[in-house]
């Protein structure tokens, strides 16, 4: 294998996998190495997104990775049930691994833990060192003292049922379940007539999800729906960051000139933690570059991340209302009210492209949380947030 590369991507998760694949499409002569500590690229995940989150051109090049798609989805709340128009799409880690492995061939190295990383080199635990024009670190989210976040913590199980489930579309949120001390909902994807991905999801302050309790929650939910669980096919879990406030300039200064992608670079939707749309856009941006140096990539990614951070300010304010205003077990009221808005606004919310009129519409009317507590949350008048400012 070559020891000098144009670009090395460390971590074969969603962001770096998409960068590698897009570069293979746009610049096949480029010498790119993708390194993964685990056995396969993509790990064990399901990435979903809304049709309007990415452009038509991006849909076209991403399409081979798509495993499932639906025309609309359902949401359930104690006082509102609704079918929302607009496509919903999922990429599975199995499909991701198949496509990326085939495209990269021996330019993908797995089961290779890293011992040291610099902007131009990577040293593996077995002592091998690879040098490159530049290195991008995409090894997933790392807690930062410069960001205050909550978490979307989840445990999902994919089940082969004994009988058909009868669902024709995803249940994006079923918040009619017991809230268990925070905003909790069940997320369900119908993968076939008899196969379901069921996720127990909690918006919580810290990574304290009880996995055994989550498994029991899934079993109880399936029983309540009349679904006879058969064979457990796979299980996934995660903690997606939900940004409340922070100092973005300090966050990127801490990278010390190292290009970072995906969650590692703070590139995710601030309210959902989903990262695929921003990862797709970043892959397009990097694939359009004619040369790679640490300095040029650092400027490019940092500039894009800063642009996203500025656009997301309103979302961070909403997150503070969700996490900090009102009783924990009443957080569902914020989302119930949101899903009373029109389809176009909801689509723009998930795409991260709210207009000023959208923002005004979200804030008008009777607030779903106490006004005084909502104002305190918006103005960050709580001890845990005083050390941060929303740059």
Protein backbone atom coordinates (compact mmCIF):
# COMPACT_ATOMS: atom_id res chain seq x y z
CA UNK A 1 0.00 0.00 0.00
CA UNK A 2 1.14 3.57 -0.73
CA UNK A 3 2.59 5.51 2.18
CA UNK A 4 2.04 8.97 0.65
CA UNK A 5 -1.49 10.17 -0.01
CA UNK A 6 -3.20 13.29 -1.32
CA UNK A 7 -5.74 13.07 1.51
CA UNK A 8 -6.26 10.80 4.51
CA UNK A 9 -9.69 10.59 6.14
CA UNK A 10 -9.55 9.28 9.72
CA UNK A 11 -12.80 7.66 10.83
CA UNK A 12 -15.04 6.00 8.23
CA UNK A 13 -18.31 7.31 9.62
CA UNK A 14 -20.94 9.14 7.65
CA UNK A 15 -19.08 12.42 6.99
CA UNK A 16 -15.72 10.98 5.93
CA UNK A 17 -17.35 8.12 4.05
CA UNK A 18 -19.35 10.61 1.99
CA UNK A 19 -16.23 12.74 1.38
CA UNK A 20 -14.29 9.70 0.17
CA UNK A 21 -17.10 8.52 -2.07
CA UNK A 22 -17.77 11.97 -3.54
CA UNK A 23 -14.06 12.42 -4.28
CA UNK A 24 -14.03 9.04 -6.01
CA UNK A 25 -16.93 10.25 -8.17
CA UNK A 26 -15.53 13.71 -8.95
CA UNK A 27 -11.74 13.17 -8.83
CA UNK A 28 -11.08 9.43 -9.33
CA UNK A 29 -7.35 9.97 -9.88
CA UNK A 30 -6.93 11.45 -6.40
CA UNK A 31 -5.04 9.25 -3.95
CA UNK A 32 -7.40 9.11 -0.91
CA UNK A 33 -7.10 6.78 2.07
CA UNK A 34 -10.01 6.12 4.45
CA UNK A 35 -9.06 4.64 7.85
CA UNK A 36 -11.51 3.06 10.29
CA UNK A 37 -10.81 1.62 13.75
CA UNK A 38 -13.84 -0.69 13.56
CA UNK A 39 -14.52 -3.66 11.29
CA UNK A 40 -16.59 -1.81 8.66
CA UNK A 41 -17.23 1.74 7.47
CA UNK A 42 -20.36 3.29 8.89
CA UNK A 43 -20.45 1.28 12.10
CA UNK A 44 -23.95 0.29 13.20
CA UNK A 45 -26.28 3.18 12.43
CA UNK A 46 -29.33 4.34 10.50
CA UNK A 47 -29.15 7.86 9.08
CA UNK A 48 -32.42 9.49 8.04
CA UNK A 49 -33.32 12.80 6.47
CA UNK A 50 -36.21 14.70 4.90
CA UNK A 51 -36.51 15.11 1.14
CA UNK A 52 -36.12 18.89 1.31
CA UNK A 53 -32.93 18.70 3.38
CA UNK A 54 -30.71 18.33 0.29
CA UNK A 55 -30.82 19.49 -3.34
CA UNK A 56 -31.93 17.49 -6.38
CA UNK A 57 -28.30 17.14 -7.48
CA UNK A 58 -27.33 15.84 -4.05
CA UNK A 59 -30.21 13.36 -4.09
CA UNK A 60 -28.85 12.05 -7.39
CA UNK A 61 -25.34 11.25 -6.19
CA UNK A 62 -26.51 10.02 -2.78
CA UNK A 63 -29.21 7.75 -4.20
CA UNK A 64 -27.16 4.49 -4.34
CA UNK A 65 -26.74 4.70 -0.56
CA UNK A 66 -30.48 4.97 0.12
CA UNK A 67 -32.04 1.79 1.51
CA UNK A 68 -35.57 3.00 2.34
CA UNK A 69 -37.84 5.90 1.36
CA UNK A 70 -41.39 6.95 2.16
CA UNK A 71 -43.71 9.69 0.88
CA UNK A 72 -44.76 11.02 4.31
CA UNK A 73 -44.65 10.28 8.05
CA UNK A 74 -46.80 10.35 11.19
CA UNK A 75 -46.45 12.10 14.54
CA UNK A 76 -48.43 11.37 17.70
CA UNK A 77 -48.87 13.61 20.76
CA UNK A 78 -51.36 13.54 23.62
CA UNK A 79 -53.46 16.24 21.94
CA UNK A 80 -52.42 15.99 18.27
CA UNK A 81 -52.04 13.23 15.67
CA UNK A 82 -50.92 14.15 12.19
CA UNK A 83 -49.57 12.83 8.89
CA UNK A 84 -46.96 15.21 7.51
CA UNK A 85 -46.40 15.41 3.75
CA UNK A 86 -42.88 15.30 2.38
CA UNK A 87 -40.48 12.49 1.60
CA UNK A 88 -38.47 10.75 4.30
CA UNK A 89 -35.39 8.68 3.52
CA UNK A 90 -33.00 6.35 5.36
CA UNK A 91 -29.44 5.20 4.71
CA UNK A 92 -28.46 2.04 6.57
CA UNK A 93 -24.94 1.24 7.69
CA UNK A 94 -25.14 -2.05 5.79
CA UNK A 95 -25.83 -0.30 2.47
CA UNK A 96 -23.28 2.39 3.32
CA UNK A 97 -20.56 -0.18 4.06
CA UNK A 98 -21.33 -2.12 0.87
CA UNK A 99 -21.13 0.93 -1.42
CA UNK A 100 -18.13 2.60 0.23
CA UNK A 101 -16.11 -0.62 0.44
CA UNK A 102 -16.74 -1.44 -3.21
CA UNK A 103 -15.86 2.08 -4.36
CA UNK A 104 -12.63 2.43 -2.37
CA UNK A 105 -11.22 -1.08 -2.54
CA UNK A 106 -7.76 -1.18 -0.95
CA UNK A 107 -7.98 2.57 -0.26
CA UNK A 108 -10.14 1.62 2.73
CA UNK A 109 -8.35 0.24 5.79
CA UNK A 110 -10.43 -1.12 8.68
CA UNK A 111 -9.67 -2.45 12.16
CA UNK A 112 -6.76 -0.02 12.45
CA UNK A 113 -6.86 2.06 15.65
CA UNK A 114 -4.97 5.36 15.57
CA UNK A 115 -2.26 6.27 18.08
CA UNK A 116 -1.37 9.72 16.74
CA UNK A 117 -2.79 12.19 14.24
CA UNK A 118 -1.26 15.38 12.83
CA UNK A 119 -2.52 17.67 10.04
CA UNK A 120 -0.33 15.72 7.56
CA UNK A 121 0.22 12.25 9.03
CA UNK A 122 -1.45 9.35 10.79
CA UNK A 123 0.30 6.80 13.00
CA UNK A 124 -1.47 3.51 13.69
CA UNK A 125 -1.21 1.53 16.90
CA UNK A 126 0.77 -1.12 15.03
CA UNK A 127 3.48 1.46 14.31
CA UNK A 128 2.76 2.18 10.65
CA UNK A 129 2.75 5.84 9.62
CA UNK A 130 0.93 7.26 6.61
CA UNK A 131 1.72 10.73 5.29
CA UNK A 132 -0.56 12.93 3.20
CA UNK A 133 -1.05 16.38 1.80
CA UNK A 134 -3.73 16.76 4.47
CA UNK A 135 -5.64 14.75 7.08
CA UNK A 136 -9.31 15.22 8.03
CA UNK A 137 -10.40 14.00 11.46
CA UNK A 138 -13.92 12.60 11.38
CA UNK A 139 -13.91 10.35 14.45
CA UNK A 140 -17.28 11.48 15.78
CA UNK A 141 -18.51 13.93 18.38
CA UNK A 142 -16.14 14.89 21.17
CA UNK A 143 -17.44 16.89 24.17
CA UNK A 144 -16.07 20.43 24.23
CA UNK A 145 -15.82 22.98 27.04
CA UNK A 146 -16.86 25.56 24.44
CA UNK A 147 -20.30 24.07 23.75
CA UNK A 148 -23.22 23.49 26.10
CA UNK A 149 -25.34 20.65 24.78
CA UNK A 150 -28.20 18.41 25.70
CA UNK A 151 -28.54 14.99 24.12
CA UNK A 152 -30.93 13.03 21.99
CA UNK A 153 -30.15 9.63 23.51
CA UNK A 154 -31.63 6.56 21.89
CA UNK A 155 -31.57 2.80 21.73
CA UNK A 156 -33.03 1.16 18.65
CA UNK A 157 -33.84 -2.44 17.84
CA UNK A 158 -34.60 -3.90 14.43
CA UNK A 159 -37.13 -6.71 14.75
CA UNK A 160 -38.44 -9.35 12.41
CA UNK A 161 -42.05 -9.70 13.52
CA UNK A 162 -44.13 -12.86 13.58
CA UNK A 163 -46.92 -11.12 11.65
CA UNK A 164 -47.20 -8.00 9.43
CA UNK A 165 -47.22 -4.72 11.37
CA UNK A 166 -49.56 -2.83 9.04
CA UNK A 167 -47.57 0.44 8.95
CA UNK A 168 -47.23 2.23 5.63
CA UNK A 169 -45.08 5.15 6.78
CA UNK A 170 -42.62 6.00 9.57
CA UNK A 171 -43.74 7.18 12.97
CA UNK A 172 -41.27 9.98 13.43
CA UNK A 173 -42.45 10.76 16.94
CA UNK A 174 -44.92 8.99 19.20
CA UNK A 175 -44.82 11.12 22.33
CA UNK A 176 -47.99 9.63 23.83
CA UNK A 177 -45.73 7.31 25.85
CA UNK A 178 -44.71 7.82 29.49
CA UNK A 179 -42.17 10.68 29.47
CA UNK A 180 -39.91 9.17 32.17
CA UNK A 181 -38.41 12.45 33.37
CA UNK A 182 -37.79 14.25 30.08
CA UNK A 183 -39.01 14.54 26.50
CA UNK A 184 -39.41 10.92 25.34
CA UNK A 185 -40.85 9.50 22.15
CA UNK A 186 -40.75 6.26 20.16
CA UNK A 187 -39.45 6.42 16.58
CA UNK A 188 -40.47 3.61 14.23
CA UNK A 189 -39.38 2.81 10.66
CA UNK A 190 -41.26 0.12 8.67
CA UNK A 191 -38.42 -1.55 6.73
CA UNK A 192 -40.61 -4.28 5.21
CA UNK A 193 -44.07 -5.73 5.81
CA UNK A 194 -42.77 -7.69 8.80
CA UNK A 195 -39.61 -5.76 9.82
CA UNK A 196 -39.46 -2.68 12.05
CA UNK A 197 -36.77 -0.47 13.50
CA UNK A 198 -38.13 0.72 16.87
CA UNK A 199 -36.14 3.36 18.78
CA UNK A 200 -36.73 4.53 22.34
CA UNK A 201 -35.61 8.17 22.26
CA UNK A 202 -35.05 10.68 25.08
CA UNK A 203 -34.04 14.34 25.09
CA UNK A 204 -31.97 14.43 28.26
CA UNK A 205 -29.30 16.62 29.87
CA UNK A 206 -26.59 13.95 30.19
CA UNK A 207 -25.67 10.55 28.73
CA UNK A 208 -27.63 8.64 31.36
CA UNK A 209 -29.94 6.51 29.22
CA UNK A 210 -30.68 3.19 30.95
CA UNK A 211 -30.26 0.66 28.13
CA UNK A 212 -32.10 -2.15 29.89
CA UNK A 213 -35.03 0.12 30.58
CA UNK A 214 -35.00 1.27 26.94
CA UNK A 215 -35.19 -2.36 25.81
CA UNK A 216 -38.17 -2.90 28.11
CA UNK A 217 -39.76 0.28 26.76
CA UNK A 218 -39.49 -1.08 23.22
CA UNK A 219 -40.98 -4.42 24.22
CA UNK A 220 -43.88 -2.72 26.02
CA UNK A 221 -44.50 -0.37 23.09
CA UNK A 222 -44.56 -3.24 20.59
CA UNK A 223 -47.00 -5.16 22.78
CA UNK A 224 -49.27 -2.13 23.10
CA UNK A 225 -49.32 -1.80 19.30
CA UNK A 226 -50.17 -5.46 18.85
CA UNK A 227 -46.84 -6.33 17.21
CA UNK A 228 -45.59 -9.85 17.98
CA UNK A 229 -41.80 -9.58 18.23
CA UNK A 230 -39.99 -12.47 16.59
CA UNK A 231 -36.25 -12.25 15.89
CA UNK A 232 -34.01 -9.38 17.02
CA UNK A 233 -31.92 -8.59 13.94
CA UNK A 234 -29.73 -5.78 15.23
CA UNK A 235 -29.47 -3.11 17.92
CA UNK A 236 -28.04 0.39 17.71
CA UNK A 237 -27.59 3.17 20.23
CA UNK A 238 -26.26 6.68 20.34
CA UNK A 239 -26.16 10.14 21.89
CA UNK A 240 -26.71 12.97 19.41
CA UNK A 241 -25.66 16.45 20.60
CA UNK A 242 -28.34 19.14 20.84
CA UNK A 243 -26.73 22.59 21.02
CA UNK A 244 -27.97 25.07 23.63
CA UNK A 245 -25.28 27.73 23.42
CA UNK A 246 -21.53 28.10 23.09
CA UNK A 247 -18.50 29.90 21.73
CA UNK A 248 -18.01 28.65 18.19
CA UNK A 249 -14.80 30.61 17.65
CA UNK A 250 -13.17 28.97 20.68
CA UNK A 251 -14.52 25.56 19.61
CA UNK A 252 -12.64 25.74 16.32
CA UNK A 253 -9.53 27.35 17.81
CA UNK A 254 -9.24 24.26 19.99
CA UNK A 255 -8.79 22.19 16.81
CA UNK A 256 -5.38 23.87 16.42
CA UNK A 257 -5.48 23.92 12.65
CA UNK A 258 -6.66 20.32 12.21
CA UNK A 259 -9.46 19.94 9.63
CA UNK A 260 -12.47 18.20 11.20
CA UNK A 261 -15.65 16.82 9.66
CA UNK A 262 -19.10 15.72 10.74
CA UNK A 263 -20.00 15.76 14.41
CA UNK A 264 -16.31 16.28 15.23
CA UNK A 265 -16.51 19.66 13.50
CA UNK A 266 -19.86 20.63 15.02
CA UNK A 267 -21.66 20.03 11.72
CA UNK A 268 -25.09 18.79 12.75
CA UNK A 269 -28.65 20.08 13.04
CA UNK A 270 -28.75 21.81 16.44
CA UNK A 271 -32.19 20.51 17.42
CA UNK A 272 -32.19 16.96 16.05
CA UNK A 273 -28.47 16.14 16.06
CA UNK A 274 -28.86 14.75 12.52
CA UNK A 275 -25.76 15.30 10.42
CA UNK A 276 -26.42 13.82 6.96
CA UNK A 277 -27.52 17.00 5.12
CA UNK A 278 -24.50 18.98 6.31
CA UNK A 279 -22.20 16.01 5.61
CA UNK A 280 -23.53 15.87 2.04
CA UNK A 281 -22.89 19.59 1.52
CA UNK A 282 -19.40 19.33 2.99
CA UNK A 283 -18.59 16.40 0.70
CA UNK A 284 -19.64 18.50 -2.29
CA UNK A 285 -17.48 21.42 -1.14
CA UNK A 286 -14.38 19.29 -0.60
CA UNK A 287 -14.84 17.43 -3.90
CA UNK A 288 -14.80 20.79 -5.69
CA UNK A 289 -11.29 21.64 -4.39
CA UNK A 290 -8.32 21.29 -6.73
CA UNK A 291 -5.68 20.72 -4.05
CA UNK A 292 -5.51 19.78 -0.40
CA UNK A 293 -3.44 21.29 2.38
CA UNK A 294 -4.26 21.39 6.10
CA UNK A 295 -4.51 25.17 5.93
CA UNK A 296 -6.90 25.26 2.96
CA UNK A 297 -9.16 22.52 4.32
CA UNK A 298 -9.18 24.01 7.81
CA UNK A 299 -10.26 27.40 6.41
CA UNK A 300 -12.86 25.81 4.17
CA UNK A 301 -14.49 23.62 6.83
CA UNK A 302 -14.22 26.18 9.59
CA UNK A 303 -15.80 28.82 7.34
CA UNK A 304 -18.67 26.50 6.45
CA UNK A 305 -19.17 25.53 10.10
CA UNK A 306 -19.23 29.22 11.10
CA UNK A 307 -21.83 29.94 8.43
CA UNK A 308 -23.98 27.09 9.76
CA UNK A 309 -23.52 28.29 13.36
CA UNK A 310 -24.82 31.75 12.50
CA UNK A 311 -27.88 30.31 10.73
CA UNK A 312 -28.62 28.08 13.71
CA UNK A 313 -28.89 30.77 16.38
CA UNK A 314 -32.70 30.67 16.44
CA UNK A 315 -32.62 26.89 16.81
CA UNK A 316 -30.35 27.14 19.85
CA UNK A 317 -32.83 29.50 21.46
CA UNK A 318 -35.63 26.99 20.84
CA UNK A 319 -33.45 24.25 22.32
CA UNK A 320 -33.01 26.24 25.51
CA UNK A 321 -36.78 26.55 25.77
CA UNK A 322 -37.13 22.79 25.24
CA UNK A 323 -34.51 21.83 27.82
CA UNK A 324 -34.71 24.63 30.38
CA UNK A 325 -38.28 25.96 30.48
CA UNK A 326 -41.08 24.18 32.26
CA UNK A 327 -41.27 20.73 33.90
CA UNK A 328 -39.20 17.97 32.30
CA UNK A 329 -42.22 15.75 31.66
CA UNK A 330 -44.00 18.59 29.84
CA UNK A 331 -41.32 19.17 27.20
CA UNK A 332 -43.52 17.32 24.70
CA UNK A 333 -45.82 20.35 24.64
CA UNK A 334 -43.19 22.34 22.73
CA UNK A 335 -43.06 19.75 19.93
CA UNK A 336 -46.82 19.21 19.93
CA UNK A 337 -47.33 22.91 19.29
CA UNK A 338 -44.64 22.90 16.58
CA UNK A 339 -46.44 20.14 14.69
CA UNK A 340 -49.53 22.32 14.48
CA UNK A 341 -47.67 24.51 11.95
CA UNK A 342 -47.83 24.13 8.16
CA UNK A 343 -45.94 21.49 6.16
CA UNK A 344 -43.66 23.99 4.43
CA UNK A 345 -42.46 25.53 7.69
CA UNK A 346 -41.84 22.08 9.19
CA UNK A 347 -39.79 21.10 6.12
CA UNK A 348 -37.73 24.30 6.35
CA UNK A 349 -37.17 23.68 10.06
CA UNK A 350 -35.62 20.28 9.44
CA UNK A 351 -33.62 21.65 6.52
CA UNK A 352 -32.27 24.40 8.81
CA UNK A 353 -33.55 27.15 6.50
CA UNK A 354 -36.21 28.99 8.50
CA UNK A 355 -37.23 32.41 7.18
CA UNK A 356 -37.79 35.39 9.46
CA UNK A 357 -41.52 34.90 8.92
CA UNK A 358 -41.14 31.26 9.99
CA UNK A 359 -39.35 32.29 13.16
CA UNK A 360 -42.05 34.82 13.99
CA UNK A 361 -44.75 32.21 13.36
CA UNK A 362 -43.08 29.72 15.71
CA UNK A 363 -42.96 32.28 18.51
CA UNK A 364 -46.48 33.72 18.12
CA UNK A 365 -49.55 32.48 19.95
CA UNK A 366 -49.89 30.90 23.36
CA UNK A 367 -46.49 29.58 24.51
CA UNK A 368 -46.31 25.86 25.39
CA UNK A 369 -44.17 26.58 28.46
CA UNK A 370 -44.49 29.21 31.25
CA UNK A 371 -43.61 32.67 29.90
CA UNK A 372 -41.23 33.58 32.74
CA UNK A 373 -39.29 30.32 32.42
CA UNK A 374 -39.24 30.63 28.64
CA UNK A 375 -37.70 34.10 28.89
CA UNK A 376 -35.11 32.89 31.37
CA UNK A 377 -34.17 30.07 29.00
CA UNK A 378 -33.92 32.41 26.00
CA UNK A 379 -31.77 34.88 27.93
CA UNK A 380 -29.61 32.11 29.41
CA UNK A 381 -30.30 33.17 33.01
CA UNK A 382 -29.37 29.81 34.53
CA UNK A 383 -26.20 28.81 36.38
CA UNK A 384 -25.19 26.13 33.89
CA UNK A 385 -25.22 28.63 30.99
CA UNK A 386 -23.67 31.76 32.52
CA UNK A 387 -20.14 30.68 31.61
CA UNK A 388 -21.03 30.58 27.90
CA UNK A 389 -21.99 33.14 25.32
CA UNK A 390 -23.69 32.43 22.03
CA UNK A 391 -21.17 33.60 19.45
